Amino acid sequence: METVVSSKGQVVIPSALRRKYDIKKGTKVEVTDRDGRIVLEPVNRGTIRRLRGILKGTRALEDLMADRARDREKEDAGLRSR
């Protein structure tokens, strides 16, 4: 299947693939670079279900909360110095 990239960088996904992967107007698509290939994956309920629990047992939430707290402290310090 061949497609063309427009001058705006837009790519048309062939209708057969849109139907197969349930891609409709407004469907978000994740674009990644894997082993020298550009991969487009629709982000839909199935994608989200597959990702559920992927970070379980990690400190991802705690790390995110700590980063957000540091960012807030920096913003507060910047506002006080004005």
Protein backbone atom coordinates (compact mmCIF):
# COMPACT_ATOMS: atom_id res chain seq x y z
CA MET A 1 0.00 0.00 0.00
CA GLU A 2 1.44 3.30 -1.05
CA THR A 3 0.41 6.71 0.17
CA VAL A 4 1.64 10.27 -0.30
CA VAL A 5 2.69 12.86 2.27
CA SER A 6 1.16 16.28 1.61
CA SER A 7 3.05 19.57 1.77
CA LYS A 8 1.65 19.98 5.30
CA GLY A 9 3.02 16.60 6.39
CA GLN A 10 -0.39 14.95 6.35
CA VAL A 11 -0.71 11.26 5.49
CA VAL A 12 -3.87 9.61 4.19
CA ILE A 13 -4.47 6.18 5.70
CA PRO A 14 -6.14 3.89 3.15
CA SER A 15 -9.82 3.20 3.88
CA ALA A 16 -9.31 -0.57 4.20
CA LEU A 17 -6.84 -0.01 7.04
CA ARG A 18 -9.06 2.63 8.67
CA ARG A 19 -11.92 0.13 8.74
CA LYS A 20 -9.70 -2.73 9.95
CA TYR A 21 -8.29 -0.70 12.86
CA ASP A 22 -11.48 1.29 13.58
CA ILE A 23 -9.83 4.63 12.82
CA LYS A 24 -12.41 7.38 12.47
CA LYS A 25 -12.29 11.16 12.26
CA GLY A 26 -10.77 12.40 15.53
CA THR A 27 -9.07 9.10 16.44
CA LYS A 28 -5.72 9.84 18.05
CA VAL A 29 -2.74 8.05 16.57
CA GLU A 30 0.56 7.43 18.33
CA VAL A 31 3.56 7.91 16.04
CA THR A 32 6.78 6.13 17.02
CA ASP A 33 10.14 5.27 15.50
CA ARG A 34 10.91 1.55 15.76
CA ASP A 35 13.98 0.03 14.21
CA GLY A 36 14.13 2.62 11.43
CA ARG A 37 10.39 2.46 10.70
CA ILE A 38 7.66 4.98 11.37
CA VAL A 39 4.83 3.20 13.18
CA LEU A 40 1.30 4.61 13.50
CA GLU A 41 -0.89 3.05 16.19
CA PRO A 42 -4.45 4.16 16.86
CA VAL A 43 -5.08 5.11 20.47
CA ASN A 44 -8.46 3.63 21.30
CA ARG A 45 -10.05 1.64 24.11
CA GLY A 46 -8.18 -1.52 23.12
CA THR A 47 -4.86 0.30 23.31
CA ILE A 48 -5.71 1.72 26.71
CA ARG A 49 -6.86 -1.69 28.00
CA ARG A 50 -3.57 -3.29 26.90
CA LEU A 51 -1.62 -0.61 28.78
CA ARG A 52 -3.55 -0.96 32.04
CA GLY A 53 -1.29 -2.07 34.84
CA ILE A 54 1.90 -1.72 32.82
CA LEU A 55 3.45 0.50 35.50
CA LYS A 56 2.20 -1.54 38.45
CA GLY A 57 4.98 -2.23 40.91
CA THR A 58 7.05 0.71 39.69
CA ARG A 59 7.55 4.05 41.39
CA ALA A 60 6.21 5.92 38.36
CA LEU A 61 3.38 7.69 40.21
CA GLU A 62 5.61 8.64 43.14
CA ASP A 63 8.31 9.93 40.79
CA LEU A 64 5.75 11.96 38.84
CA MET A 65 4.33 13.47 42.03
CA ALA A 66 7.84 14.37 43.26
CA ASP A 67 8.64 16.02 39.90
CA ARG A 68 5.41 18.02 40.02
CA ALA A 69 6.20 19.15 43.60
CA ARG A 70 9.69 20.32 42.52
CA ASP A 71 8.17 22.18 39.57
CA ARG A 72 5.68 23.93 41.86
CA GLU A 73 8.49 24.91 44.26
CA LYS A 74 10.48 26.41 41.36
CA GLU A 75 7.42 28.32 40.12
CA ASP A 76 6.66 29.60 43.63
CA ALA A 77 10.28 30.69 44.11
CA GLY A 78 10.20 32.50 40.76
CA LEU A 79 7.01 34.35 41.70
CA ARG A 80 8.43 35.40 45.07
CA SER A 81 11.61 36.80 43.49
CA ARG A 82 9.66 39.24 41.28
